[in-house]
Amino acid sequence: MTRTLWDSTVGKKAIMAVTGLIMLGYLVAHMAGNLKIFFGPGEFDGYAHWLRTMGAPVLHEEWALWIVRVALVAAVVLHGVSAYQLSRRDIRARPAGYVRRRARASYATRTMRWGGVILALFLVWHILDLTTGTVHTGFRPGHPYQNVVDTFSTWYGNVIYITAVLALGLHVRHGFWSAAQTLGVGNATRERVLKTLAGLLALVLTAGFVSVPVAVMTGLVR
């Protein structure tokens, strides 16, 4: 049954929809956590510490955090592999390509694949920058507030982050609506509502994530 689901086009689309919604839920929570930076270093660093101790005393330190990480990695891998395989099937089905693009295809639809690549590359950078500190000069373990301020005090840190967030907004805008269609939630009556909701989610996430580097650049957070 599992193998049949994975091998079918419908199954892969369903996997993409479910994993996409899982990642969307994480992004909303992650954005809310990021906004704590506006309440000062004590609040933000306290939140970062809580992430490592959540689930205590039932779970040992960082166990819950690692459970979330493993679940997210699994979701990202399944989402990415499904997207790649569906893309290859689509190309094989029409090797000559379309003579003309569909007029109704939105910019977000046409750039979903490249957006996914940009987000995958950014994810690697983001981990190396603010989690491991590998590419972050002056990284200070245990001082997340200062590390965030340091990152967004550089022009390249802002360019990389804001570019990725804009790609994320486009990805969410199309992906949420597409997931609803795949899972059978959407229909002709709900289409306008779902598209509006997808646009609002994309706007809120984009504004929420971009507000942090903008606040650092303008000196509101320092």
C-alpha atoms as a PDB file:
ATOM      1  CA  MET A   1       0.000   0.000   0.000  1.00  0.00           C
ATOM      2  CA  THR A   2       2.769   2.440   0.977  1.00  0.00           C
ATOM      3  CA  ARG A   3       4.788   1.547  -2.118  1.00  0.00           C
ATOM      4  CA  THR A   4       1.757   1.991  -4.350  1.00  0.00           C
ATOM      5  CA  LEU A   5       1.081   5.406  -2.830  1.00  0.00           C
ATOM      6  CA  TRP A   6       4.693   6.490  -3.313  1.00  0.00           C
ATOM      7  CA  ASP A   7       4.872   5.291  -6.918  1.00  0.00           C
ATOM      8  CA  SER A   8       1.674   6.995  -8.050  1.00  0.00           C
ATOM      9  CA  THR A   9       1.454  10.599  -9.200  1.00  0.00           C
ATOM     10  CA  VAL A  10      -1.567  11.199  -6.982  1.00  0.00           C
ATOM     11  CA  GLY A  11       0.309   9.733  -4.015  1.00  0.00           C
ATOM     12  CA  LYS A  12       3.326  11.968  -4.558  1.00  0.00           C
ATOM     13  CA  LYS A  13       1.093  15.026  -4.816  1.00  0.00           C
ATOM     14  CA  ALA A  14      -0.626  14.028  -1.560  1.00  0.00           C
ATOM     15  CA  ILE A  15       2.761  13.603   0.143  1.00  0.00           C
ATOM     16  CA  MET A  16       3.813  17.019  -1.111  1.00  0.00           C
ATOM     17  CA  ALA A  17       0.581  18.537   0.200  1.00  0.00           C
ATOM     18  CA  VAL A  18       0.834  16.976   3.678  1.00  0.00           C
ATOM     19  CA  THR A  19       4.549  17.698   4.125  1.00  0.00           C
ATOM     20  CA  GLY A  20       4.014  21.223   2.815  1.00  0.00           C
ATOM     21  CA  LEU A  21       1.328  21.861   5.441  1.00  0.00           C
ATOM     22  CA  ILE A  22       3.614  20.458   8.160  1.00  0.00           C
ATOM     23  CA  MET A  23       6.361  22.874   7.109  1.00  0.00           C
ATOM     24  CA  LEU A  24       3.850  25.716   6.906  1.00  0.00           C
ATOM     25  CA  GLY A  25       2.790  25.069  10.503  1.00  0.00           C
ATOM     26  CA  TYR A  26       6.442  25.160  11.553  1.00  0.00           C
ATOM     27  CA  LEU A  27       7.016  28.417   9.667  1.00  0.00           C
ATOM     28  CA  VAL A  28       4.125  30.123  11.459  1.00  0.00           C
ATOM     29  CA  ALA A  29       5.505  29.017  14.841  1.00  0.00           C
ATOM     30  CA  HIS A  30       9.062  29.971  13.833  1.00  0.00           C
ATOM     31  CA  MET A  31       7.959  33.435  12.728  1.00  0.00           C
ATOM     32  CA  ALA A  32       6.118  33.984  16.017  1.00  0.00           C
ATOM     33  CA  GLY A  33       9.275  32.998  17.894  1.00  0.00           C
ATOM     34  CA  ASN A  34      11.416  35.316  15.766  1.00  0.00           C
ATOM     35  CA  LEU A  35       9.184  38.273  16.614  1.00  0.00           C
ATOM     36  CA  LYS A  36      10.182  37.913  20.275  1.00  0.00           C
ATOM     37  CA  ILE A  37      13.374  39.713  19.301  1.00  0.00           C
ATOM     38  CA  PHE A  38      11.384  42.969  19.510  1.00  0.00           C
ATOM     39  CA  PHE A  39      10.988  42.412  23.269  1.00  0.00           C
ATOM     40  CA  GLY A  40      14.725  42.480  23.896  1.00  0.00           C
ATOM     41  CA  PRO A  41      17.604  40.039  24.381  1.00  0.00           C
ATOM     42  CA  GLY A  42      16.234  38.582  27.620  1.00  0.00           C
ATOM     43  CA  GLU A  43      12.938  37.567  26.022  1.00  0.00           C
ATOM     44  CA  PHE A  44      14.536  36.257  22.820  1.00  0.00           C
ATOM     45  CA  ASP A  45      17.344  34.346  24.536  1.00  0.00           C
ATOM     46  CA  GLY A  46      14.824  32.933  27.014  1.00  0.00           C
ATOM     47  CA  TYR A  47      12.717  31.656  24.138  1.00  0.00           C
ATOM     48  CA  ALA A  48      15.779  30.032  22.547  1.00  0.00           C
ATOM     49  CA  HIS A  49      16.584  28.355  25.872  1.00  0.00           C
ATOM     50  CA  TRP A  50      12.989  27.103  26.174  1.00  0.00           C
ATOM     51  CA  LEU A  51      13.277  25.424  22.779  1.00  0.00           C
ATOM     52  CA  ARG A  52      16.070  23.273  24.199  1.00  0.00           C
ATOM     53  CA  THR A  53      14.191  22.400  27.381  1.00  0.00           C
ATOM     54  CA  MET A  54      10.597  22.061  26.113  1.00  0.00           C
ATOM     55  CA  GLY A  55       9.021  18.803  27.166  1.00  0.00           C
ATOM     56  CA  ALA A  56      10.947  18.733  30.450  1.00  0.00           C
ATOM     57  CA  PRO A  57      10.885  17.049  32.854  1.00  0.00           C
ATOM     58  CA  VAL A  58       9.228  14.245  30.869  1.00  0.00           C
ATOM     59  CA  LEU A  59      11.852  14.528  28.135  1.00  0.00           C
ATOM     60  CA  HIS A  60      15.558  15.135  28.557  1.00  0.00           C
ATOM     61  CA  GLU A  61      17.088  18.407  27.383  1.00  0.00           C
ATOM     62  CA  GLU A  62      16.910  18.879  23.604  1.00  0.00           C
ATOM     63  CA  TRP A  63      14.978  15.615  23.047  1.00  0.00           C
ATOM     64  CA  ALA A  64      11.813  17.451  21.962  1.00  0.00           C
ATOM     65  CA  LEU A  65      13.885  19.815  19.820  1.00  0.00           C
ATOM     66  CA  TRP A  66      15.526  16.879  18.058  1.00  0.00           C
ATOM     67  CA  ILE A  67      12.151  15.207  17.510  1.00  0.00           C
ATOM     68  CA  VAL A  68      10.974  18.397  15.775  1.00  0.00           C
ATOM     69  CA  ARG A  69      14.198  18.566  13.747  1.00  0.00           C
ATOM     70  CA  VAL A  70      13.950  14.959  12.579  1.00  0.00           C
ATOM     71  CA  ALA A  71      10.278  15.413  11.638  1.00  0.00           C
ATOM     72  CA  LEU A  72      11.115  18.571   9.681  1.00  0.00           C
ATOM     73  CA  VAL A  73      14.050  16.946   7.880  1.00  0.00           C
ATOM     74  CA  ALA A  74      11.795  14.032   6.908  1.00  0.00           C
ATOM     75  CA  ALA A  75       9.130  16.469   5.658  1.00  0.00           C
ATOM     76  CA  VAL A  76      11.685  18.489   3.654  1.00  0.00           C
ATOM     77  CA  VAL A  77      13.228  15.382   2.079  1.00  0.00           C
ATOM     78  CA  LEU A  78       9.880  13.817   1.169  1.00  0.00           C
ATOM     79  CA  HIS A  79       8.625  17.140  -0.195  1.00  0.00           C
ATOM     80  CA  GLY A  80      11.762  17.749  -2.243  1.00  0.00           C
ATOM     81  CA  VAL A  81      12.061  14.224  -3.631  1.00  0.00           C
ATOM     82  CA  SER A  82       8.367  14.149  -4.559  1.00  0.00           C
ATOM     83  CA  ALA A  83       8.647  17.528  -6.268  1.00  0.00           C
ATOM     84  CA  TYR A  84      11.719  16.426  -8.239  1.00  0.00           C
ATOM     85  CA  GLN A  85      10.169  13.144  -9.339  1.00  0.00           C
ATOM     86  CA  LEU A  86       6.903  14.798 -10.359  1.00  0.00           C
ATOM     87  CA  SER A  87       8.885  17.367 -12.316  1.00  0.00           C
ATOM     88  CA  ARG A  88      10.771  14.614 -14.156  1.00  0.00           C
ATOM     89  CA  ARG A  89       7.496  12.851 -14.971  1.00  0.00           C
ATOM     90  CA  ASP A  90       6.051  16.104 -16.273  1.00  0.00           C
ATOM     91  CA  ILE A  91       9.078  16.665 -18.524  1.00  0.00           C
ATOM     92  CA  ARG A  92       8.948  13.099 -19.878  1.00  0.00           C
ATOM     93  CA  ALA A  93       5.247  13.508 -20.608  1.00  0.00           C
ATOM     94  CA  ARG A  94       5.926  16.549 -22.809  1.00  0.00           C
ATOM     95  CA  PRO A  95       9.560  16.391 -23.950  1.00  0.00           C
ATOM     96  CA  ALA A  96       9.088  19.041 -26.626  1.00  0.00           C
ATOM     97  CA  GLY A  97       7.741  21.533 -24.108  1.00  0.00           C
ATOM     98  CA  TYR A  98       4.892  23.929 -24.557  1.00  0.00           C
ATOM     99  CA  VAL A  99       5.010  26.314 -27.499  1.00  0.00           C
ATOM    100  CA  ARG A 100       3.308  28.945 -25.387  1.00  0.00           C
ATOM    101  CA  ARG A 101       2.896  29.284 -21.639  1.00  0.00           C
ATOM    102  CA  ARG A 102      -0.595  29.076 -20.248  1.00  0.00           C
ATOM    103  CA  ALA A 103      -1.878  32.619 -19.905  1.00  0.00           C
ATOM    104  CA  ARG A 104      -3.455  31.994 -16.512  1.00  0.00           C
ATOM    105  CA  ALA A 105      -0.301  30.585 -14.935  1.00  0.00           C
ATOM    106  CA  SER A 106       0.814  32.989 -12.199  1.00  0.00           C
ATOM    107  CA  TYR A 107       4.379  34.084 -11.557  1.00  0.00           C
ATOM    108  CA  ALA A 108       4.391  31.993  -8.373  1.00  0.00           C
ATOM    109  CA  THR A 109       3.287  28.891 -10.303  1.00  0.00           C
ATOM    110  CA  ARG A 110       5.999  29.308 -12.928  1.00  0.00           C
ATOM    111  CA  THR A 111       8.732  29.781 -10.313  1.00  0.00           C
ATOM    112  CA  MET A 112       7.750  27.062  -7.815  1.00  0.00           C
ATOM    113  CA  ARG A 113      10.643  24.828  -8.841  1.00  0.00           C
ATOM    114  CA  TRP A 114      13.304  27.526  -8.695  1.00  0.00           C
ATOM    115  CA  GLY A 115      11.767  28.815  -5.483  1.00  0.00           C
ATOM    116  CA  GLY A 116      12.160  25.376  -3.955  1.00  0.00           C
ATOM    117  CA  VAL A 117      15.831  25.261  -4.954  1.00  0.00           C
ATOM    118  CA  ILE A 118      16.441  28.723  -3.471  1.00  0.00           C
ATOM    119  CA  LEU A 119      14.756  27.727  -0.213  1.00  0.00           C
ATOM    120  CA  ALA A 120      16.732  24.465   0.008  1.00  0.00           C
ATOM    121  CA  LEU A 121      20.023  26.332  -0.442  1.00  0.00           C
ATOM    122  CA  PHE A 122      18.955  28.972   2.069  1.00  0.00           C
ATOM    123  CA  LEU A 123      18.049  26.306   4.621  1.00  0.00           C
ATOM    124  CA  VAL A 124      21.615  24.993   4.491  1.00  0.00           C
ATOM    125  CA  TRP A 125      23.013  28.526   4.842  1.00  0.00           C
ATOM    126  CA  HIS A 126      20.635  29.385   7.698  1.00  0.00           C
ATOM    127  CA  ILE A 127      21.703  26.329   9.707  1.00  0.00           C
ATOM    128  CA  LEU A 128      25.409  27.003   9.112  1.00  0.00           C
ATOM    129  CA  ASP A 129      24.888  30.651  10.024  1.00  0.00           C
ATOM    130  CA  LEU A 130      22.691  30.688  13.122  1.00  0.00           C
ATOM    131  CA  THR A 131      22.683  27.093  14.395  1.00  0.00           C
ATOM    132  CA  THR A 132      26.230  25.795  14.010  1.00  0.00           C
ATOM    133  CA  GLY A 133      27.950  29.144  13.396  1.00  0.00           C
ATOM    134  CA  THR A 134      30.138  27.580  10.700  1.00  0.00           C
ATOM    135  CA  VAL A 135      29.859  30.532   8.297  1.00  0.00           C
ATOM    136  CA  HIS A 136      29.212  33.129  10.981  1.00  0.00           C
ATOM    137  CA  THR A 137      32.292  35.125  11.983  1.00  0.00           C
ATOM    138  CA  GLY A 138      32.070  35.994  15.661  1.00  0.00           C
ATOM    139  CA  PHE A 139      29.340  33.430  16.390  1.00  0.00           C
ATOM    140  CA  ARG A 140      28.703  33.133  20.144  1.00  0.00           C
ATOM    141  CA  PRO A 141      27.057  29.887  21.313  1.00  0.00           C
ATOM    142  CA  GLY A 142      24.267  30.567  23.782  1.00  0.00           C
ATOM    143  CA  HIS A 143      23.732  34.168  22.605  1.00  0.00           C
ATOM    144  CA  PRO A 144      21.066  33.908  19.860  1.00  0.00           C
ATOM    145  CA  TYR A 145      19.962  37.543  20.101  1.00  0.00           C
ATOM    146  CA  GLN A 146      23.461  38.867  19.452  1.00  0.00           C
ATOM    147  CA  ASN A 147      24.047  36.318  16.682  1.00  0.00           C
ATOM    148  CA  VAL A 148      20.895  37.456  14.870  1.00  0.00           C
ATOM    149  CA  VAL A 149      21.893  41.118  15.196  1.00  0.00           C
ATOM    150  CA  ASP A 150      25.392  40.310  13.897  1.00  0.00           C
ATOM    151  CA  THR A 151      23.997  38.449  10.874  1.00  0.00           C
ATOM    152  CA  PHE A 152      21.676  41.272   9.863  1.00  0.00           C
ATOM    153  CA  SER A 153      24.378  43.880  10.395  1.00  0.00           C
ATOM    154  CA  THR A 154      26.024  42.607   7.195  1.00  0.00           C
ATOM    155  CA  TRP A 155      24.771  43.438   3.697  1.00  0.00           C
ATOM    156  CA  TYR A 156      25.123  39.853   2.468  1.00  0.00           C
ATOM    157  CA  GLY A 157      23.226  38.454   5.450  1.00  0.00           C
ATOM    158  CA  ASN A 158      20.304  40.737   4.632  1.00  0.00           C
ATOM    159  CA  VAL A 159      20.393  40.031   0.890  1.00  0.00           C
ATOM    160  CA  ILE A 160      20.455  36.251   1.362  1.00  0.00           C
ATOM    161  CA  TYR A 161      17.706  36.270   3.999  1.00  0.00           C
ATOM    162  CA  ILE A 162      15.327  38.708   2.303  1.00  0.00           C
ATOM    163  CA  THR A 163      15.716  36.986  -1.083  1.00  0.00           C
ATOM    164  CA  ALA A 164      14.854  33.647   0.515  1.00  0.00           C
ATOM    165  CA  VAL A 165      11.853  35.122   2.350  1.00  0.00           C
ATOM    166  CA  LEU A 166      10.465  36.601  -0.864  1.00  0.00           C
ATOM    167  CA  ALA A 167      10.853  33.198  -2.537  1.00  0.00           C
ATOM    168  CA  LEU A 168       9.111  31.670   0.479  1.00  0.00           C
ATOM    169  CA  GLY A 169       6.155  34.034   0.124  1.00  0.00           C
ATOM    170  CA  LEU A 170       5.633  33.038  -3.506  1.00  0.00           C
ATOM    171  CA  HIS A 171       6.045  29.367  -2.629  1.00  0.00           C
ATOM    172  CA  VAL A 172       3.489  29.519   0.185  1.00  0.00           C
ATOM    173  CA  ARG A 173       1.010  31.512  -1.898  1.00  0.00           C
ATOM    174  CA  HIS A 174       0.815  28.851  -4.587  1.00  0.00           C
ATOM    175  CA  GLY A 175       1.632  25.830  -2.421  1.00  0.00           C
ATOM    176  CA  PHE A 176      -1.142  26.329   0.137  1.00  0.00           C
ATOM    177  CA  TRP A 177      -3.823  26.615  -2.541  1.00  0.00           C
ATOM    178  CA  SER A 178      -2.357  23.657  -4.450  1.00  0.00           C
ATOM    179  CA  ALA A 179      -2.292  21.518  -1.279  1.00  0.00           C
ATOM    180  CA  ALA A 180      -5.961  22.290  -0.628  1.00  0.00           C
ATOM    181  CA  GLN A 181      -6.833  21.187  -4.161  1.00  0.00           C
ATOM    182  CA  THR A 182      -4.796  17.983  -3.831  1.00  0.00           C
ATOM    183  CA  LEU A 183      -6.385  17.028  -0.514  1.00  0.00           C
ATOM    184  CA  GLY A 184      -9.888  17.662  -1.846  1.00  0.00           C
ATOM    185  CA  VAL A 185     -10.600  20.700   0.323  1.00  0.00           C
ATOM    186  CA  GLY A 186     -10.988  23.109  -2.553  1.00  0.00           C
ATOM    187  CA  ASN A 187     -13.882  23.396  -4.962  1.00  0.00           C
ATOM    188  CA  ALA A 188     -15.377  26.052  -7.223  1.00  0.00           C
ATOM    189  CA  THR A 189     -17.180  27.694  -4.297  1.00  0.00           C
ATOM    190  CA  ARG A 190     -14.189  27.782  -1.958  1.00  0.00           C
ATOM    191  CA  GLU A 191     -11.588  28.671  -4.586  1.00  0.00           C
ATOM    192  CA  ARG A 192     -11.708  32.427  -3.998  1.00  0.00           C
ATOM    193  CA  VAL A 193     -11.573  31.992  -0.205  1.00  0.00           C
ATOM    194  CA  LEU A 194      -8.634  29.595  -0.417  1.00  0.00           C
ATOM    195  CA  LYS A 195      -6.713  31.853  -2.776  1.00  0.00           C
ATOM    196  CA  THR A 196      -7.342  34.828  -0.484  1.00  0.00           C
ATOM    197  CA  LEU A 197      -6.227  32.829   2.541  1.00  0.00           C
ATOM    198  CA  ALA A 198      -3.106  31.662   0.679  1.00  0.00           C
ATOM    199  CA  GLY A 199      -2.273  35.269  -0.189  1.00  0.00           C
ATOM    200  CA  LEU A 200      -2.785  36.424   3.400  1.00  0.00           C
ATOM    201  CA  LEU A 201      -0.608  33.619   4.775  1.00  0.00           C
ATOM    202  CA  ALA A 202       2.139  34.470   2.303  1.00  0.00           C
ATOM    203  CA  LEU A 203       1.896  38.173   3.152  1.00  0.00           C
ATOM    204  CA  VAL A 204       1.951  37.634   6.923  1.00  0.00           C
ATOM    205  CA  LEU A 205       4.900  35.236   6.772  1.00  0.00           C
ATOM    206  CA  THR A 206       6.864  37.483   4.419  1.00  0.00           C
ATOM    207  CA  ALA A 207       6.233  40.593   6.514  1.00  0.00           C
ATOM    208  CA  GLY A 208       6.924  38.782   9.773  1.00  0.00           C
ATOM    209  CA  PHE A 209      10.241  37.297   8.697  1.00  0.00           C
ATOM    210  CA  VAL A 210      11.449  40.419   6.841  1.00  0.00           C
ATOM    211  CA  SER A 211      10.630  42.658   9.825  1.00  0.00           C
ATOM    212  CA  VAL A 212      13.587  41.261  11.777  1.00  0.00           C
ATOM    213  CA  PRO A 213      16.423  42.205   9.364  1.00  0.00           C
ATOM    214  CA  VAL A 214      14.678  45.519   8.636  1.00  0.00           C
ATOM    215  CA  ALA A 215      14.535  46.261  12.376  1.00  0.00           C
ATOM    216  CA  VAL A 216      18.261  45.558  12.708  1.00  0.00           C
ATOM    217  CA  MET A 217      19.122  47.641   9.626  1.00  0.00           C
ATOM    218  CA  THR A 218      17.120  50.619  10.924  1.00  0.00           C
ATOM    219  CA  GLY A 219      18.500  50.353  14.452  1.00  0.00           C
ATOM    220  CA  LEU A 220      15.175  49.440  16.053  1.00  0.00           C
ATOM    221  CA  VAL A 221      16.822  46.206  17.213  1.00  0.00           C
ATOM    222  CA  ARG A 222      20.481  46.452  18.163  1.00  0.00           C
END
